[in-house]
Amino acid sequence: MKNPNQRITLTIRRPKPPRHDLIGAVKITPDAEIALRELSEQTGLPMRQIALSLITQAAACVDIIEAD
C-alpha cells in the first residue's frame, strides 16, 4: 500500500438495507482479477485468502458518505 494511513471513501446515493442472505461469491473486474493473480503468484497464497484478507482489513479504512 502506498500510504497505509490513506482512507477509502465510497459515495452512495442512499443507504440500502442490509442483506442477510450471504451468497458467498462476487464477480470482480478483470483488473481486480489480475491484481489478485499477481499477489497470489508473489505470495503463494490462494486468491480466495488474499481477497478475504484485503476486504476484511480494508473495511476498517472505508468512510461512507451519502451523496446530495
PDB file of N, CA and C in Angstrom:
ATOM      1  N   MET A   1       0.847  -1.163   0.000  1.00  0.00           N
ATOM      2  CA  MET A   1       0.000   0.000   0.000  1.00  0.00           C
ATOM      3  C   MET A   1       0.893   1.226   0.000  1.00  0.00           C
ATOM      4  N   LYS A   2       0.586   2.188  -0.833  1.00  0.00           N
ATOM      5  CA  LYS A   2       1.419   3.378  -0.929  1.00  0.00           C
ATOM      6  C   LYS A   2       1.379   4.199   0.346  1.00  0.00           C
ATOM      7  N   ASN A   3       0.191   4.383   0.910  1.00  0.00           N
ATOM      8  CA  ASN A   3       0.047   5.151   2.138  1.00  0.00           C
ATOM      9  C   ASN A   3      -0.902   4.396   3.060  1.00  0.00           C
ATOM     10  N   PRO A   4      -0.375   3.704   4.060  1.00  0.00           N
ATOM     11  CA  PRO A   4      -1.248   2.889   4.918  1.00  0.00           C
ATOM     12  C   PRO A   4      -2.241   3.708   5.733  1.00  0.00           C
ATOM     13  N   ASN A   5      -2.042   5.028   5.816  1.00  0.00           N
ATOM     14  CA  ASN A   5      -2.961   5.877   6.576  1.00  0.00           C
ATOM     15  C   ASN A   5      -4.051   6.483   5.694  1.00  0.00           C
ATOM     16  N   GLN A   6      -4.003   6.217   4.402  1.00  0.00           N
ATOM     17  CA  GLN A   6      -4.988   6.776   3.489  1.00  0.00           C
ATOM     18  C   GLN A   6      -6.330   6.079   3.673  1.00  0.00           C
ATOM     19  N   ARG A   7      -7.400   6.851   3.719  1.00  0.00           N
ATOM     20  CA  ARG A   7      -8.741   6.310   3.876  1.00  0.00           C
ATOM     21  C   ARG A   7      -9.357   6.065   2.505  1.00  0.00           C
ATOM     22  N   ILE A   8     -10.312   5.156   2.447  1.00  0.00           N
ATOM     23  CA  ILE A   8     -11.080   4.866   1.239  1.00  0.00           C
ATOM     24  C   ILE A   8     -12.465   5.465   1.444  1.00  0.00           C
ATOM     25  N   THR A   9     -12.928   6.270   0.483  1.00  0.00           N
ATOM     26  CA  THR A   9     -14.245   6.891   0.603  1.00  0.00           C
ATOM     27  C   THR A   9     -15.159   6.349  -0.481  1.00  0.00           C
ATOM     28  N   LEU A  10     -16.330   5.867  -0.070  1.00  0.00           N
ATOM     29  CA  LEU A  10     -17.363   5.431  -1.002  1.00  0.00           C
ATOM     30  C   LEU A  10     -18.533   6.394  -0.890  1.00  0.00           C
ATOM     31  N   THR A  11     -18.926   7.013  -2.004  1.00  0.00           N
ATOM     32  CA  THR A  11     -20.071   7.913  -2.013  1.00  0.00           C
ATOM     33  C   THR A  11     -21.261   7.146  -2.555  1.00  0.00           C
ATOM     34  N   ILE A  12     -22.353   7.152  -1.803  1.00  0.00           N
ATOM     35  CA  ILE A  12     -23.546   6.406  -2.205  1.00  0.00           C
ATOM     36  C   ILE A  12     -24.719   7.361  -2.331  1.00  0.00           C
ATOM     37  N   ARG A  13     -25.702   6.980  -3.104  1.00  0.00           N
ATOM     38  CA  ARG A  13     -26.884   7.826  -3.278  1.00  0.00           C
ATOM     39  C   ARG A  13     -27.799   7.748  -2.076  1.00  0.00           C
ATOM     40  N   ARG A  14     -28.033   6.565  -1.598  1.00  0.00           N
ATOM     41  CA  ARG A  14     -28.800   6.376  -0.366  1.00  0.00           C
ATOM     42  C   ARG A  14     -28.454   5.003   0.188  1.00  0.00           C
ATOM     43  N   PRO A  15     -28.397   4.887   1.473  1.00  0.00           N
ATOM     44  CA  PRO A  15     -28.057   3.578   2.047  1.00  0.00           C
ATOM     45  C   PRO A  15     -29.115   2.534   1.718  1.00  0.00           C
ATOM     46  N   LYS A  16     -28.667   1.339   1.424  1.00  0.00           N
ATOM     47  CA  LYS A  16     -29.581   0.231   1.182  1.00  0.00           C
ATOM     48  C   LYS A  16     -29.691  -0.572   2.468  1.00  0.00           C
ATOM     49  N   PRO A  17     -30.845  -1.187   2.685  1.00  0.00           N
ATOM     50  CA  PRO A  17     -30.968  -2.022   3.892  1.00  0.00           C
ATOM     51  C   PRO A  17     -29.992  -3.196   3.818  1.00  0.00           C
ATOM     52  N   PRO A  18     -29.464  -3.621   4.950  1.00  0.00           N
ATOM     53  CA  PRO A  18     -28.501  -4.731   4.930  1.00  0.00           C
ATOM     54  C   PRO A  18     -29.149  -6.019   4.463  1.00  0.00           C
ATOM     55  N   ARG A  19     -28.355  -6.825   3.758  1.00  0.00           N
ATOM     56  CA  ARG A  19     -28.821  -8.136   3.305  1.00  0.00           C
ATOM     57  C   ARG A  19     -28.210  -9.183   4.203  1.00  0.00           C
ATOM     58  N   HIS A  20     -29.001 -10.130   4.578  1.00  0.00           N
ATOM     59  CA  HIS A  20     -28.518 -11.175   5.466  1.00  0.00           C
ATOM     60  C   HIS A  20     -28.447 -12.537   4.780  1.00  0.00           C
ATOM     61  N   ASP A  21     -28.751 -12.549   3.481  1.00  0.00           N
ATOM     62  CA  ASP A  21     -28.671 -13.807   2.748  1.00  0.00           C
ATOM     63  C   ASP A  21     -27.319 -13.873   2.033  1.00  0.00           C
ATOM     64  N   LEU A  22     -26.329 -14.407   2.715  1.00  0.00           N
ATOM     65  CA  LEU A  22     -24.985 -14.465   2.168  1.00  0.00           C
ATOM     66  C   LEU A  22     -24.925 -15.451   1.010  1.00  0.00           C
ATOM     67  N   ILE A  23     -24.314 -15.022  -0.093  1.00  0.00           N
ATOM     68  CA  ILE A  23     -24.234 -15.903  -1.257  1.00  0.00           C
ATOM     69  C   ILE A  23     -22.842 -16.491  -1.441  1.00  0.00           C
ATOM     70  N   GLY A  24     -21.835 -15.924  -0.800  1.00  0.00           N
ATOM     71  CA  GLY A  24     -20.500 -16.497  -0.835  1.00  0.00           C
ATOM     72  C   GLY A  24     -19.725 -16.299  -2.119  1.00  0.00           C
ATOM     73  N   ALA A  25     -20.220 -15.478  -3.027  1.00  0.00           N
ATOM     74  CA  ALA A  25     -19.490 -15.244  -4.274  1.00  0.00           C
ATOM     75  C   ALA A  25     -19.784 -13.844  -4.789  1.00  0.00           C
ATOM     76  N   VAL A  26     -18.782 -13.225  -5.369  1.00  0.00           N
ATOM     77  CA  VAL A  26     -18.951 -11.933  -6.026  1.00  0.00           C
ATOM     78  C   VAL A  26     -18.205 -11.973  -7.352  1.00  0.00           C
ATOM     79  N   LYS A  27     -18.647 -11.165  -8.292  1.00  0.00           N
ATOM     80  CA  LYS A  27     -17.932 -11.047  -9.564  1.00  0.00           C
ATOM     81  C   LYS A  27     -16.988  -9.857  -9.444  1.00  0.00           C
ATOM     82  N   ILE A  28     -15.780 -10.019  -9.964  1.00  0.00           N
ATOM     83  CA  ILE A  28     -14.801  -8.942  -9.918  1.00  0.00           C
ATOM     84  C   ILE A  28     -14.410  -8.559 -11.337  1.00  0.00           C
ATOM     85  N   THR A  29     -13.837  -7.373 -11.462  1.00  0.00           N
ATOM     86  CA  THR A  29     -13.416  -6.891 -12.776  1.00  0.00           C
ATOM     87  C   THR A  29     -12.155  -7.622 -13.217  1.00  0.00           C
ATOM     88  N   PRO A  30     -11.871  -7.602 -14.505  1.00  0.00           N
ATOM     89  CA  PRO A  30     -10.625  -8.212 -14.980  1.00  0.00           C
ATOM     90  C   PRO A  30      -9.381  -7.609 -14.310  1.00  0.00           C
ATOM     91  N   ASP A  31      -9.382  -6.285 -14.097  1.00  0.00           N
ATOM     92  CA  ASP A  31      -8.232  -5.652 -13.431  1.00  0.00           C
ATOM     93  C   ASP A  31      -8.048  -6.174 -12.016  1.00  0.00           C
ATOM     94  N   ALA A  32      -9.155  -6.364 -11.300  1.00  0.00           N
ATOM     95  CA  ALA A  32      -9.070  -6.890  -9.940  1.00  0.00           C
ATOM     96  C   ALA A  32      -8.561  -8.329  -9.953  1.00  0.00           C
ATOM     97  N   GLU A  33      -8.993  -9.104 -10.932  1.00  0.00           N
ATOM     98  CA  GLU A  33      -8.526 -10.484 -11.021  1.00  0.00           C
ATOM     99  C   GLU A  33      -7.032 -10.543 -11.326  1.00  0.00           C
ATOM    100  N   ILE A  34      -6.566  -9.662 -12.194  1.00  0.00           N
ATOM    101  CA  ILE A  34      -5.133  -9.608 -12.497  1.00  0.00           C
ATOM    102  C   ILE A  34      -4.342  -9.270 -11.236  1.00  0.00           C
ATOM    103  N   ALA A  35      -4.831  -8.280 -10.474  1.00  0.00           N
ATOM    104  CA  ALA A  35      -4.147  -7.904  -9.231  1.00  0.00           C
ATOM    105  C   ALA A  35      -4.121  -9.078  -8.257  1.00  0.00           C
ATOM    106  N   LEU A  36      -5.243  -9.791  -8.129  1.00  0.00           N
ATOM    107  CA  LEU A  36      -5.285 -10.955  -7.247  1.00  0.00           C
ATOM    108  C   LEU A  36      -4.318 -12.043  -7.705  1.00  0.00           C
ATOM    109  N   ARG A  37      -4.281 -12.292  -9.004  1.00  0.00           N
ATOM    110  CA  ARG A  37      -3.380 -13.317  -9.529  1.00  0.00           C
ATOM    111  C   ARG A  37      -1.919 -12.956  -9.272  1.00  0.00           C
ATOM    112  N   GLU A  38      -1.583 -11.669  -9.461  1.00  0.00           N
ATOM    113  CA  GLU A  38      -0.205 -11.234  -9.212  1.00  0.00           C
ATOM    114  C   GLU A  38       0.162 -11.401  -7.744  1.00  0.00           C
ATOM    115  N   LEU A  39      -0.754 -11.020  -6.850  1.00  0.00           N
ATOM    116  CA  LEU A  39      -0.494 -11.190  -5.421  1.00  0.00           C
ATOM    117  C   LEU A  39      -0.363 -12.671  -5.061  1.00  0.00           C
ATOM    118  N   SER A  40      -1.176 -13.496  -5.686  1.00  0.00           N
ATOM    119  CA  SER A  40      -1.121 -14.929  -5.427  1.00  0.00           C
ATOM    120  C   SER A  40       0.222 -15.509  -5.877  1.00  0.00           C
ATOM    121  N   GLU A  41       0.675 -15.085  -7.053  1.00  0.00           N
ATOM    122  CA  GLU A  41       1.965 -15.563  -7.557  1.00  0.00           C
ATOM    123  C   GLU A  41       3.113 -15.106  -6.661  1.00  0.00           C
ATOM    124  N   GLN A  42       3.030 -13.867  -6.161  1.00  0.00           N
ATOM    125  CA  GLN A  42       4.100 -13.311  -5.326  1.00  0.00           C
ATOM    126  C   GLN A  42       4.140 -13.939  -3.941  1.00  0.00           C
ATOM    127  N   THR A  43       2.978 -14.298  -3.415  1.00  0.00           N
ATOM    128  CA  THR A  43       2.914 -14.780  -2.035  1.00  0.00           C
ATOM    129  C   THR A  43       2.763 -16.285  -1.911  1.00  0.00           C
ATOM    130  N   GLY A  44       2.264 -16.917  -2.957  1.00  0.00           N
ATOM    131  CA  GLY A  44       1.983 -18.345  -2.879  1.00  0.00           C
ATOM    132  C   GLY A  44       0.666 -18.644  -2.174  1.00  0.00           C
ATOM    133  N   LEU A  45      -0.073 -17.595  -1.797  1.00  0.00           N
ATOM    134  CA  LEU A  45      -1.367 -17.770  -1.132  1.00  0.00           C
ATOM    135  C   LEU A  45      -2.470 -17.919  -2.165  1.00  0.00           C
ATOM    136  N   PRO A  46      -3.552 -18.626  -1.820  1.00  0.00           N
ATOM    137  CA  PRO A  46      -4.689 -18.725  -2.741  1.00  0.00           C
ATOM    138  C   PRO A  46      -5.375 -17.362  -2.894  1.00  0.00           C
ATOM    139  N   MET A  47      -5.917 -17.117  -4.079  1.00  0.00           N
ATOM    140  CA  MET A  47      -6.589 -15.845  -4.337  1.00  0.00           C
ATOM    141  C   MET A  47      -7.730 -15.617  -3.353  1.00  0.00           C
ATOM    142  N   ARG A  48      -8.433 -16.675  -2.989  1.00  0.00           N
ATOM    143  CA  ARG A  48      -9.538 -16.545  -2.035  1.00  0.00           C
ATOM    144  C   ARG A  48      -9.056 -15.970  -0.705  1.00  0.00           C
ATOM    145  N   GLN A  49      -7.936 -16.459  -0.216  1.00  0.00           N
ATOM    146  CA  GLN A  49      -7.399 -15.980   1.062  1.00  0.00           C
ATOM    147  C   GLN A  49      -6.943 -14.529   0.954  1.00  0.00           C
ATOM    148  N   ILE A  50      -6.344 -14.166  -0.165  1.00  0.00           N
ATOM    149  CA  ILE A  50      -5.905 -12.786  -0.370  1.00  0.00           C
ATOM    150  C   ILE A  50      -7.106 -11.855  -0.411  1.00  0.00           C
ATOM    151  N   ALA A  51      -8.129 -12.227  -1.193  1.00  0.00           N
ATOM    152  CA  ALA A  51      -9.330 -11.389  -1.295  1.00  0.00           C
ATOM    153  C   ALA A  51      -9.995 -11.224   0.065  1.00  0.00           C
ATOM    154  N   LEU A  52     -10.101 -12.317   0.811  1.00  0.00           N
ATOM    155  CA  LEU A  52     -10.694 -12.269   2.141  1.00  0.00           C
ATOM    156  C   LEU A  52      -9.938 -11.297   3.036  1.00  0.00           C
ATOM    157  N   SER A  53      -8.630 -11.398   3.050  1.00  0.00           N
ATOM    158  CA  SER A  53      -7.809 -10.525   3.893  1.00  0.00           C
ATOM    159  C   SER A  53      -7.931  -9.063   3.470  1.00  0.00           C
ATOM    160  N   LEU A  54      -7.867  -8.817   2.165  1.00  0.00           N
ATOM    161  CA  LEU A  54      -7.960  -7.439   1.682  1.00  0.00           C
ATOM    162  C   LEU A  54      -9.299  -6.803   2.033  1.00  0.00           C
ATOM    163  N   ILE A  55     -10.374  -7.544   1.827  1.00  0.00           N
ATOM    164  CA  ILE A  55     -11.708  -6.996   2.091  1.00  0.00           C
ATOM    165  C   ILE A  55     -11.917  -6.736   3.576  1.00  0.00           C
ATOM    166  N   THR A  56     -11.583  -7.697   4.418  1.00  0.00           N
ATOM    167  CA  THR A  56     -11.841  -7.524   5.849  1.00  0.00           C
ATOM    168  C   THR A  56     -10.943  -6.449   6.453  1.00  0.00           C
ATOM    169  N   GLN A  57      -9.697  -6.361   6.005  1.00  0.00           N
ATOM    170  CA  GLN A  57      -8.812  -5.320   6.530  1.00  0.00           C
ATOM    171  C   GLN A  57      -9.177  -3.944   5.992  1.00  0.00           C
ATOM    172  N   ALA A  58      -9.547  -3.848   4.713  1.00  0.00           N
ATOM    173  CA  ALA A  58      -9.891  -2.577   4.115  1.00  0.00           C
ATOM    174  C   ALA A  58     -11.217  -2.023   4.638  1.00  0.00           C
ATOM    175  N   ALA A  59     -12.108  -2.898   5.092  1.00  0.00           N
ATOM    176  CA  ALA A  59     -13.413  -2.440   5.588  1.00  0.00           C
ATOM    177  C   ALA A  59     -13.251  -1.432   6.717  1.00  0.00           C
ATOM    178  N   ALA A  60     -12.207  -1.581   7.514  1.00  0.00           N
ATOM    179  CA  ALA A  60     -11.970  -0.653   8.614  1.00  0.00           C
ATOM    180  C   ALA A  60     -11.455   0.697   8.136  1.00  0.00           C
ATOM    181  N   CYS A  61     -11.068   0.788   6.872  1.00  0.00           N
ATOM    182  CA  CYS A  61     -10.496   2.023   6.321  1.00  0.00           C
ATOM    183  C   CYS A  61     -11.465   2.763   5.408  1.00  0.00           C
ATOM    184  N   VAL A  62     -12.722   2.369   5.400  1.00  0.00           N
ATOM    185  CA  VAL A  62     -13.696   2.950   4.481  1.00  0.00           C
ATOM    186  C   VAL A  62     -14.585   3.947   5.200  1.00  0.00           C
ATOM    187  N   ASP A  63     -14.722   5.130   4.608  1.00  0.00           N
ATOM    188  CA  ASP A  63     -15.674   6.130   5.073  1.00  0.00           C
ATOM    189  C   ASP A  63     -16.798   6.189   4.047  1.00  0.00           C
ATOM    190  N   ILE A  64     -18.028   6.048   4.488  1.00  0.00           N
ATOM    191  CA  ILE A  64     -19.179   6.083   3.589  1.00  0.00           C
ATOM    192  C   ILE A  64     -19.926   7.381   3.802  1.00  0.00           C
ATOM    193  N   ILE A  65     -20.125   8.129   2.724  1.00  0.00           N
ATOM    194  CA  ILE A  65     -20.866   9.381   2.802  1.00  0.00           C
ATOM    195  C   ILE A  65     -22.023   9.316   1.823  1.00  0.00           C
ATOM    196  N   GLU A  66     -23.127   9.945   2.188  1.00  0.00           N
ATOM    197  CA  GLU A  66     -24.294   9.950   1.308  1.00  0.00           C
ATOM    198  C   GLU A  66     -24.210  11.146   0.388  1.00  0.00           C
ATOM    199  N   ALA A  67     -24.411  10.913  -0.910  1.00  0.00           N
ATOM    200  CA  ALA A  67     -24.355  11.971  -1.892  1.00  0.00           C
ATOM    201  C   ALA A  67     -25.573  12.883  -1.755  1.00  0.00           C
ATOM    202  N   ASP A  68     -25.406  14.116  -2.196  1.00  0.00           N
ATOM    203  CA  ASP A  68     -26.526  15.076  -2.133  1.00  0.00           C
ATOM    204  C   ASP A  68     -27.545  14.796  -3.205  1.00  0.00           C
TER     205      ASP A  68
END
